[in-house]
All heavy atoms as atom14 arrays in JSON, in Angstrom:
{
  "sequence": "LLAAVDAKLDAAKSQFAIENRAFGDNAGTVQIPVARNATLL",
  "atom14_mask": [
    [1, 1, 1, 1, 1, 1, 1, 1, 0, 0, 0, 0, 0, 0],
    [1, 1, 1, 1, 1, 1, 1, 1, 0, 0, 0, 0, 0, 0],
    [1, 1, 1, 1, 1, 0, 0, 0, 0, 0, 0, 0, 0, 0],
    [1, 1, 1, 1, 1, 0, 0, 0, 0, 0, 0, 0, 0, 0],
    [1, 1, 1, 1, 1, 1, 1, 0, 0, 0, 0, 0, 0, 0],
    [1, 1, 1, 1, 1, 1, 1, 1, 0, 0, 0, 0, 0, 0],
    [1, 1, 1, 1, 1, 0, 0, 0, 0, 0, 0, 0, 0, 0],
    [1, 1, 1, 1, 1, 1, 1, 1, 1, 0, 0, 0, 0, 0],
    [1, 1, 1, 1, 1, 1, 1, 1, 0, 0, 0, 0, 0, 0],
    [1, 1, 1, 1, 1, 1, 1, 1, 0, 0, 0, 0, 0, 0],
    [1, 1, 1, 1, 1, 0, 0, 0, 0, 0, 0, 0, 0, 0],
    [1, 1, 1, 1, 1, 0, 0, 0, 0, 0, 0, 0, 0, 0],
    [1, 1, 1, 1, 1, 1, 1, 1, 1, 0, 0, 0, 0, 0],
    [1, 1, 1, 1, 1, 1, 0, 0, 0, 0, 0, 0, 0, 0],
    [1, 1, 1, 1, 1, 1, 1, 1, 1, 0, 0, 0, 0, 0],
    [1, 1, 1, 1, 1, 1, 1, 1, 1, 1, 1, 0, 0, 0],
    [1, 1, 1, 1, 1, 0, 0, 0, 0, 0, 0, 0, 0, 0],
    [1, 1, 1, 1, 1, 1, 1, 1, 0, 0, 0, 0, 0, 0],
    [1, 1, 1, 1, 1, 1, 1, 1, 1, 0, 0, 0, 0, 0],
    [1, 1, 1, 1, 1, 1, 1, 1, 0, 0, 0, 0, 0, 0],
    [1, 1, 1, 1, 1, 1, 1, 1, 1, 1, 1, 0, 0, 0],
    [1, 1, 1, 1, 1, 0, 0, 0, 0, 0, 0, 0, 0, 0],
    [1, 1, 1, 1, 1, 1, 1, 1, 1, 1, 1, 0, 0, 0],
    [1, 1, 1, 1, 0, 0, 0, 0, 0, 0, 0, 0, 0, 0],
    [1, 1, 1, 1, 1, 1, 1, 1, 0, 0, 0, 0, 0, 0],
    [1, 1, 1, 1, 1, 1, 1, 1, 0, 0, 0, 0, 0, 0],
    [1, 1, 1, 1, 1, 0, 0, 0, 0, 0, 0, 0, 0, 0],
    [1, 1, 1, 1, 0, 0, 0, 0, 0, 0, 0, 0, 0, 0],
    [1, 1, 1, 1, 1, 1, 1, 0, 0, 0, 0, 0, 0, 0],
    [1, 1, 1, 1, 1, 1, 1, 0, 0, 0, 0, 0, 0, 0],
    [1, 1, 1, 1, 1, 1, 1, 1, 1, 0, 0, 0, 0, 0],
    [1, 1, 1, 1, 1, 1, 1, 1, 0, 0, 0, 0, 0, 0],
    [1, 1, 1, 1, 1, 1, 1, 0, 0, 0, 0, 0, 0, 0],
    [1, 1, 1, 1, 1, 1, 1, 0, 0, 0, 0, 0, 0, 0],
    [1, 1, 1, 1, 1, 0, 0, 0, 0, 0, 0, 0, 0, 0],
    [1, 1, 1, 1, 1, 1, 1, 1, 1, 1, 1, 0, 0, 0],
    [1, 1, 1, 1, 1, 1, 1, 1, 0, 0, 0, 0, 0, 0],
    [1, 1, 1, 1, 1, 0, 0, 0, 0, 0, 0, 0, 0, 0],
    [1, 1, 1, 1, 1, 1, 1, 0, 0, 0, 0, 0, 0, 0],
    [1, 1, 1, 1, 1, 1, 1, 1, 0, 0, 0, 0, 0, 0],
    [1, 1, 1, 1, 1, 1, 1, 1, 0, 0, 0, 0, 0, 0]
  ],
  "atom14_positions": [
    [[140.3, 257.93, 116.23], [140.72, 256.94, 117.21], [140.33, 255.53, 116.75], [141.16, 254.61, 116.78], [140.09, 257.25, 118.57], [140.58, 256.43, 119.77], [140.44, 257.24, 121.05], [139.79, 255.13, 119.92], [0.0, 0.0, 0.0], [0.0, 0.0, 0.0], [0.0, 0.0, 0.0], [0.0, 0.0, 0.0], [0.0, 0.0, 0.0], [0.0, 0.0, 0.0]],
    [[139.08, 255.35, 116.33], [138.62, 254.03, 115.9], [139.36, 253.57, 114.65], [139.69, 252.38, 114.52], [137.11, 254.05, 115.65], [136.23, 254.33, 116.87], [134.75, 254.31, 116.48], [136.5, 253.32, 117.98], [0.0, 0.0, 0.0], [0.0, 0.0, 0.0], [0.0, 0.0, 0.0], [0.0, 0.0, 0.0], [0.0, 0.0, 0.0], [0.0, 0.0, 0.0]],
    [[139.65, 254.5, 113.75], [140.4, 254.15, 112.55], [141.82, 253.72, 112.9], [142.36, 252.77, 112.31], [140.43, 255.34, 111.58], [0.0, 0.0, 0.0], [0.0, 0.0, 0.0], [0.0, 0.0, 0.0], [0.0, 0.0, 0.0], [0.0, 0.0, 0.0], [0.0, 0.0, 0.0], [0.0, 0.0, 0.0], [0.0, 0.0, 0.0], [0.0, 0.0, 0.0]],
    [[142.42, 254.4, 113.89], [143.78, 254.06, 114.3], [143.82, 252.68, 114.95], [144.74, 251.89, 114.68], [144.31, 255.11, 115.27], [0.0, 0.0, 0.0], [0.0, 0.0, 0.0], [0.0, 0.0, 0.0], [0.0, 0.0, 0.0], [0.0, 0.0, 0.0], [0.0, 0.0, 0.0], [0.0, 0.0, 0.0], [0.0, 0.0, 0.0], [0.0, 0.0, 0.0]],
    [[142.84, 252.38, 115.8], [142.77, 251.06, 116.43], [142.57, 249.98, 115.38], [143.22, 248.93, 115.4], [141.64, 251.01, 117.49], [141.45, 249.57, 118.01], [141.95, 251.95, 118.64], [0.0, 0.0, 0.0], [0.0, 0.0, 0.0], [0.0, 0.0, 0.0], [0.0, 0.0, 0.0], [0.0, 0.0, 0.0], [0.0, 0.0, 0.0], [0.0, 0.0, 0.0]],
    [[141.68, 250.24, 114.43], [141.42, 249.29, 113.34], [142.69, 249.0, 112.54], [142.99, 247.85, 112.2], [140.34, 249.85, 112.41], [139.18, 248.88, 112.23], [139.28, 247.73, 112.71], [138.18, 249.27, 111.61], [0.0, 0.0, 0.0], [0.0, 0.0, 0.0], [0.0, 0.0, 0.0], [0.0, 0.0, 0.0], [0.0, 0.0, 0.0], [0.0, 0.0, 0.0]],
    [[143.45, 250.07, 112.27], [144.68, 249.91, 111.49], [145.71, 249.08, 112.25], [146.41, 248.24, 111.67], [145.26, 251.29, 111.14], [0.0, 0.0, 0.0], [0.0, 0.0, 0.0], [0.0, 0.0, 0.0], [0.0, 0.0, 0.0], [0.0, 0.0, 0.0], [0.0, 0.0, 0.0], [0.0, 0.0, 0.0], [0.0, 0.0, 0.0], [0.0, 0.0, 0.0]],
    [[145.82, 249.3, 113.56], [146.75, 248.53, 114.38], [146.35, 247.06, 114.43], [147.21, 246.17, 114.38], [146.8, 249.11, 115.79], [147.46, 250.47, 115.89], [148.97, 250.35, 115.8], [149.65, 251.68, 116.05], [151.13, 251.58, 116.06], [0.0, 0.0, 0.0], [0.0, 0.0, 0.0], [0.0, 0.0, 0.0], [0.0, 0.0, 0.0], [0.0, 0.0, 0.0]],
    [[145.06, 246.78, 114.55], [144.58, 245.4, 114.56], [144.9, 244.72, 113.23], [145.31, 243.56, 113.19], [143.08, 245.36, 114.83], [142.63, 245.75, 116.25], [141.11, 245.86, 116.31], [143.12, 244.74, 117.28], [0.0, 0.0, 0.0], [0.0, 0.0, 0.0], [0.0, 0.0, 0.0], [0.0, 0.0, 0.0], [0.0, 0.0, 0.0], [0.0, 0.0, 0.0]],
    [[144.7, 245.46, 112.16], [144.97, 244.91, 110.83], [146.47, 244.62, 110.66], [146.86, 243.58, 110.11], [144.5, 245.9, 109.76], [144.57, 245.3, 108.37], [143.99, 244.22, 108.14], [145.22, 245.91, 107.49], [0.0, 0.0, 0.0], [0.0, 0.0, 0.0], [0.0, 0.0, 0.0], [0.0, 0.0, 0.0], [0.0, 0.0, 0.0], [0.0, 0.0, 0.0]],
    [[147.3, 245.53, 111.16], [148.75, 245.34, 111.06], [149.22, 244.13, 111.87], [150.18, 243.46, 111.5], [149.47, 246.6, 111.54], [0.0, 0.0, 0.0], [0.0, 0.0, 0.0], [0.0, 0.0, 0.0], [0.0, 0.0, 0.0], [0.0, 0.0, 0.0], [0.0, 0.0, 0.0], [0.0, 0.0, 0.0], [0.0, 0.0, 0.0], [0.0, 0.0, 0.0]],
    [[148.51, 243.85, 112.97], [148.86, 242.7, 113.81], [148.23, 241.41, 113.28], [148.37, 240.36, 113.9], [148.41, 242.95, 115.24], [0.0, 0.0, 0.0], [0.0, 0.0, 0.0], [0.0, 0.0, 0.0], [0.0, 0.0, 0.0], [0.0, 0.0, 0.0], [0.0, 0.0, 0.0], [0.0, 0.0, 0.0], [0.0, 0.0, 0.0], [0.0, 0.0, 0.0]],
    [[147.54, 241.52, 112.13], [146.86, 240.37, 111.51], [145.83, 239.74, 112.45], [145.67, 238.52, 112.5], [147.87, 239.33, 111.03], [148.87, 239.88, 110.01], [149.7, 238.78, 109.41], [150.74, 239.35, 108.45], [150.17, 240.18, 107.39], [0.0, 0.0, 0.0], [0.0, 0.0, 0.0], [0.0, 0.0, 0.0], [0.0, 0.0, 0.0], [0.0, 0.0, 0.0]],
    [[145.15, 240.59, 113.22], [144.1, 240.11, 114.11], [142.81, 239.92, 113.33], [142.51, 240.65, 112.39], [143.87, 241.13, 115.23], [142.72, 240.8, 115.99], [0.0, 0.0, 0.0], [0.0, 0.0, 0.0], [0.0, 0.0, 0.0], [0.0, 0.0, 0.0], [0.0, 0.0, 0.0], [0.0, 0.0, 0.0], [0.0, 0.0, 0.0], [0.0, 0.0, 0.0]],
    [[142.02, 238.93, 113.74], [140.73, 238.71, 113.09], [139.7, 239.74, 113.55], [138.62, 239.86, 112.97], [140.21, 237.31, 113.45], [139.93, 237.11, 114.94], [139.27, 235.79, 115.26], [138.43, 235.32, 114.51], [139.67, 235.18, 116.38], [0.0, 0.0, 0.0], [0.0, 0.0, 0.0], [0.0, 0.0, 0.0], [0.0, 0.0, 0.0], [0.0, 0.0, 0.0]],
    [[140.03, 240.5, 114.6], [139.08, 241.46, 115.16], [139.1, 242.78, 114.4], [140.14, 243.19, 113.88], [139.39, 241.73, 116.64], [138.92, 240.65, 117.56], [139.64, 239.47, 117.69], [137.73, 240.78, 118.27], [139.2, 238.46, 118.52], [137.29, 239.77, 119.1], [138.02, 238.6, 119.23], [0.0, 0.0, 0.0], [0.0, 0.0, 0.0], [0.0, 0.0, 0.0]],
    [[137.93, 243.41, 114.35], [137.79, 244.72, 113.72], [136.76, 245.53, 114.49], [135.92, 244.97, 115.21], [137.36, 244.57, 112.26], [0.0, 0.0, 0.0], [0.0, 0.0, 0.0], [0.0, 0.0, 0.0], [0.0, 0.0, 0.0], [0.0, 0.0, 0.0], [0.0, 0.0, 0.0], [0.0, 0.0, 0.0], [0.0, 0.0, 0.0], [0.0, 0.0, 0.0]],
    [[136.83, 246.84, 114.34], [135.89, 247.74, 115.02], [134.52, 247.67, 114.37], [134.39, 247.69, 113.15], [136.4, 249.19, 114.99], [137.71, 249.32, 115.78], [135.34, 250.15, 115.52], [137.56, 249.2, 117.27], [0.0, 0.0, 0.0], [0.0, 0.0, 0.0], [0.0, 0.0, 0.0], [0.0, 0.0, 0.0], [0.0, 0.0, 0.0], [0.0, 0.0, 0.0]],
    [[133.48, 247.59, 115.2], [132.1, 247.72, 114.73], [131.46, 248.89, 115.46], [131.15, 248.81, 116.64], [131.31, 246.44, 114.99], [129.87, 246.51, 114.49], [129.08, 245.25, 114.8], [129.68, 244.24, 115.18], [127.84, 245.31, 114.68], [0.0, 0.0, 0.0], [0.0, 0.0, 0.0], [0.0, 0.0, 0.0], [0.0, 0.0, 0.0], [0.0, 0.0, 0.0]],
    [[131.29, 249.99, 114.77], [130.8, 251.22, 115.38], [129.28, 251.32, 115.25], [128.75, 251.56, 114.17], [131.47, 252.43, 114.72], [130.93, 253.75, 115.25], [130.34, 253.81, 116.32], [131.15, 254.81, 114.5], [0.0, 0.0, 0.0], [0.0, 0.0, 0.0], [0.0, 0.0, 0.0], [0.0, 0.0, 0.0], [0.0, 0.0, 0.0], [0.0, 0.0, 0.0]],
    [[128.58, 251.15, 116.38], [127.12, 251.29, 116.4], [126.67, 252.55, 117.13], [125.48, 252.84, 117.17], [126.48, 250.09, 117.1], [126.78, 248.73, 116.51], [126.0, 247.68, 117.27], [126.46, 246.33, 117.01], [126.05, 245.26, 117.68], [125.18, 245.41, 118.67], [126.51, 244.06, 117.38], [0.0, 0.0, 0.0], [0.0, 0.0, 0.0], [0.0, 0.0, 0.0]],
    [[127.62, 253.27, 117.72], [127.25, 254.39, 118.58], [127.38, 255.74, 117.92], [126.61, 256.66, 118.18], [128.1, 254.36, 119.85], [0.0, 0.0, 0.0], [0.0, 0.0, 0.0], [0.0, 0.0, 0.0], [0.0, 0.0, 0.0], [0.0, 0.0, 0.0], [0.0, 0.0, 0.0], [0.0, 0.0, 0.0], [0.0, 0.0, 0.0], [0.0, 0.0, 0.0]],
    [[128.37, 255.9, 117.08], [128.66, 257.21, 116.5], [128.38, 257.2, 115.0], [128.83, 256.32, 114.28], [130.12, 257.6, 116.74], [130.5, 257.68, 118.19], [131.08, 256.59, 118.84], [130.25, 258.83, 118.93], [131.43, 256.66, 120.18], [130.59, 258.91, 120.26], [131.19, 257.82, 120.89], [0.0, 0.0, 0.0], [0.0, 0.0, 0.0], [0.0, 0.0, 0.0]],
    [[127.62, 258.2, 114.58], [127.3, 258.33, 113.16], [128.04, 259.5, 112.58], [129.28, 259.53, 112.53], [0.0, 0.0, 0.0], [0.0, 0.0, 0.0], [0.0, 0.0, 0.0], [0.0, 0.0, 0.0], [0.0, 0.0, 0.0], [0.0, 0.0, 0.0], [0.0, 0.0, 0.0], [0.0, 0.0, 0.0], [0.0, 0.0, 0.0], [0.0, 0.0, 0.0]],
    [[127.27, 260.49, 112.15], [127.87, 261.68, 111.52], [128.73, 262.48, 112.47], [129.59, 263.26, 112.04], [126.76, 262.57, 110.96], [125.98, 261.88, 109.84], [126.54, 260.94, 109.24], [124.81, 262.26, 109.61], [0.0, 0.0, 0.0], [0.0, 0.0, 0.0], [0.0, 0.0, 0.0], [0.0, 0.0, 0.0], [0.0, 0.0, 0.0], [0.0, 0.0, 0.0]],
    [[128.5, 262.32, 113.79], [129.27, 263.13, 114.75], [130.59, 262.49, 115.13], [131.33, 263.01, 115.97], [128.45, 263.37, 116.02], [128.15, 262.08, 116.77], [128.17, 261.0, 116.18], [127.84, 262.2, 118.06], [0.0, 0.0, 0.0], [0.0, 0.0, 0.0], [0.0, 0.0, 0.0], [0.0, 0.0, 0.0], [0.0, 0.0, 0.0], [0.0, 0.0, 0.0]],
    [[130.94, 261.33, 114.54], [132.19, 260.65, 114.89], [133.41, 261.51, 114.6], [134.45, 261.37, 115.25], [132.29, 259.32, 114.13], [0.0, 0.0, 0.0], [0.0, 0.0, 0.0], [0.0, 0.0, 0.0], [0.0, 0.0, 0.0], [0.0, 0.0, 0.0], [0.0, 0.0, 0.0], [0.0, 0.0, 0.0], [0.0, 0.0, 0.0], [0.0, 0.0, 0.0]],
    [[133.29, 262.39, 113.64], [134.43, 263.24, 113.3], [134.54, 264.49, 114.13], [135.55, 265.2, 114.06], [0.0, 0.0, 0.0], [0.0, 0.0, 0.0], [0.0, 0.0, 0.0], [0.0, 0.0, 0.0], [0.0, 0.0, 0.0], [0.0, 0.0, 0.0], [0.0, 0.0, 0.0], [0.0, 0.0, 0.0], [0.0, 0.0, 0.0], [0.0, 0.0, 0.0]],
    [[133.51, 264.79, 114.93], [133.52, 266.02, 115.72], [133.73, 265.78, 117.21], [134.19, 266.67, 117.92], [132.2, 266.78, 115.53], [131.1, 265.93, 115.92], [132.03, 267.19, 114.07], [0.0, 0.0, 0.0], [0.0, 0.0, 0.0], [0.0, 0.0, 0.0], [0.0, 0.0, 0.0], [0.0, 0.0, 0.0], [0.0, 0.0, 0.0], [0.0, 0.0, 0.0]],
    [[133.37, 264.6, 117.7], [133.55, 264.29, 119.13], [135.01, 263.97, 119.39], [135.57, 263.03, 118.83], [132.67, 263.09, 119.55], [132.91, 262.74, 121.02], [131.2, 263.39, 119.31], [0.0, 0.0, 0.0], [0.0, 0.0, 0.0], [0.0, 0.0, 0.0], [0.0, 0.0, 0.0], [0.0, 0.0, 0.0], [0.0, 0.0, 0.0], [0.0, 0.0, 0.0]],
    [[135.64, 264.78, 120.23], [137.05, 264.58, 120.54], [137.22, 263.9, 121.9], [136.43, 264.11, 122.82], [137.79, 265.91, 120.54], [137.89, 266.55, 119.16], [138.7, 267.83, 119.18], [138.58, 268.64, 120.08], [139.53, 268.0, 118.16], [0.0, 0.0, 0.0], [0.0, 0.0, 0.0], [0.0, 0.0, 0.0], [0.0, 0.0, 0.0], [0.0, 0.0, 0.0]],
    [[138.28, 263.09, 122.0], [138.53, 262.33, 123.22], [139.98, 262.52, 123.65], [140.9, 262.36, 122.83], [138.26, 260.83, 123.0], [136.78, 260.61, 122.68], [138.64, 260.01, 124.22], [136.42, 259.18, 122.39], [0.0, 0.0, 0.0], [0.0, 0.0, 0.0], [0.0, 0.0, 0.0], [0.0, 0.0, 0.0], [0.0, 0.0, 0.0], [0.0, 0.0, 0.0]],
    [[140.22, 262.86, 124.93], [141.61, 263.01, 125.39], [142.31, 261.66, 125.5], [141.78, 260.72, 126.1], [141.45, 263.66, 126.77], [140.07, 263.27, 127.22], [139.25, 263.18, 125.97], [0.0, 0.0, 0.0], [0.0, 0.0, 0.0], [0.0, 0.0, 0.0], [0.0, 0.0, 0.0], [0.0, 0.0, 0.0], [0.0, 0.0, 0.0], [0.0, 0.0, 0.0]],
    [[143.48, 261.52, 124.91], [144.25, 260.28, 124.93], [145.7, 260.62, 125.25], [146.3, 261.51, 124.62], [144.17, 259.54, 123.57], [145.03, 258.29, 123.6], [142.73, 259.17, 123.25], [0.0, 0.0, 0.0], [0.0, 0.0, 0.0], [0.0, 0.0, 0.0], [0.0, 0.0, 0.0], [0.0, 0.0, 0.0], [0.0, 0.0, 0.0], [0.0, 0.0, 0.0]],
    [[146.28, 259.9, 126.21], [147.69, 260.13, 126.56], [148.61, 259.67, 125.43], [148.27, 258.75, 124.69], [148.01, 259.37, 127.85], [0.0, 0.0, 0.0], [0.0, 0.0, 0.0], [0.0, 0.0, 0.0], [0.0, 0.0, 0.0], [0.0, 0.0, 0.0], [0.0, 0.0, 0.0], [0.0, 0.0, 0.0], [0.0, 0.0, 0.0], [0.0, 0.0, 0.0]],
    [[149.75, 260.29, 125.33], [150.68, 259.98, 124.23], [151.24, 258.56, 124.33], [151.6, 257.96, 123.33], [151.83, 260.99, 124.22], [151.38, 262.39, 123.79], [152.58, 263.31, 123.59], [152.13, 264.63, 123.13], [151.88, 264.93, 121.87], [152.02, 264.01, 120.94], [151.49, 266.15, 121.53], [0.0, 0.0, 0.0], [0.0, 0.0, 0.0], [0.0, 0.0, 0.0]],
    [[151.33, 258.05, 125.56], [151.85, 256.7, 125.75], [150.74, 255.66, 125.88], [150.95, 254.56, 126.38], [152.76, 256.64, 126.97], [152.02, 256.98, 128.27], [150.92, 257.53, 128.21], [152.63, 256.68, 129.4], [0.0, 0.0, 0.0], [0.0, 0.0, 0.0], [0.0, 0.0, 0.0], [0.0, 0.0, 0.0], [0.0, 0.0, 0.0], [0.0, 0.0, 0.0]],
    [[149.54, 256.01, 125.44], [148.39, 255.12, 125.6], [148.51, 253.87, 124.75], [149.0, 253.91, 123.61], [147.1, 255.87, 125.24], [0.0, 0.0, 0.0], [0.0, 0.0, 0.0], [0.0, 0.0, 0.0], [0.0, 0.0, 0.0], [0.0, 0.0, 0.0], [0.0, 0.0, 0.0], [0.0, 0.0, 0.0], [0.0, 0.0, 0.0], [0.0, 0.0, 0.0]],
    [[148.03, 252.76, 125.31], [147.89, 251.53, 124.53], [146.54, 251.59, 123.81], [145.72, 252.49, 124.07], [147.93, 250.3, 125.43], [146.81, 250.34, 126.34], [149.23, 250.24, 126.24], [0.0, 0.0, 0.0], [0.0, 0.0, 0.0], [0.0, 0.0, 0.0], [0.0, 0.0, 0.0], [0.0, 0.0, 0.0], [0.0, 0.0, 0.0], [0.0, 0.0, 0.0]],
    [[146.3, 250.62, 122.95], [144.99, 250.55, 122.29], [143.88, 250.37, 123.33], [142.78, 250.94, 123.19], [144.95, 249.39, 121.3], [145.96, 249.4, 120.15], [145.69, 248.24, 119.19], [145.95, 250.72, 119.4], [0.0, 0.0, 0.0], [0.0, 0.0, 0.0], [0.0, 0.0, 0.0], [0.0, 0.0, 0.0], [0.0, 0.0, 0.0], [0.0, 0.0, 0.0]],
    [[144.16, 249.6, 124.37], [143.18, 249.4, 125.44], [142.88, 250.71, 126.16], [141.71, 251.04, 126.4], [143.69, 248.35, 126.43], [142.69, 247.91, 127.51], [141.56, 247.08, 126.9], [143.41, 247.1, 128.59], [0.0, 0.0, 0.0], [0.0, 0.0, 0.0], [0.0, 0.0, 0.0], [0.0, 0.0, 0.0], [0.0, 0.0, 0.0], [0.0, 0.0, 0.0]]
  ]
}
């Protein structure tokens, strides 16, 4: 999810980027439900 948001920000030429301070090694195992029509927000 964070990688996808980062990629979208980069494609929009935004100066903003994700800074992940909460998830370490478990970032790849924690799953989050997201609707198919979800915005980045």
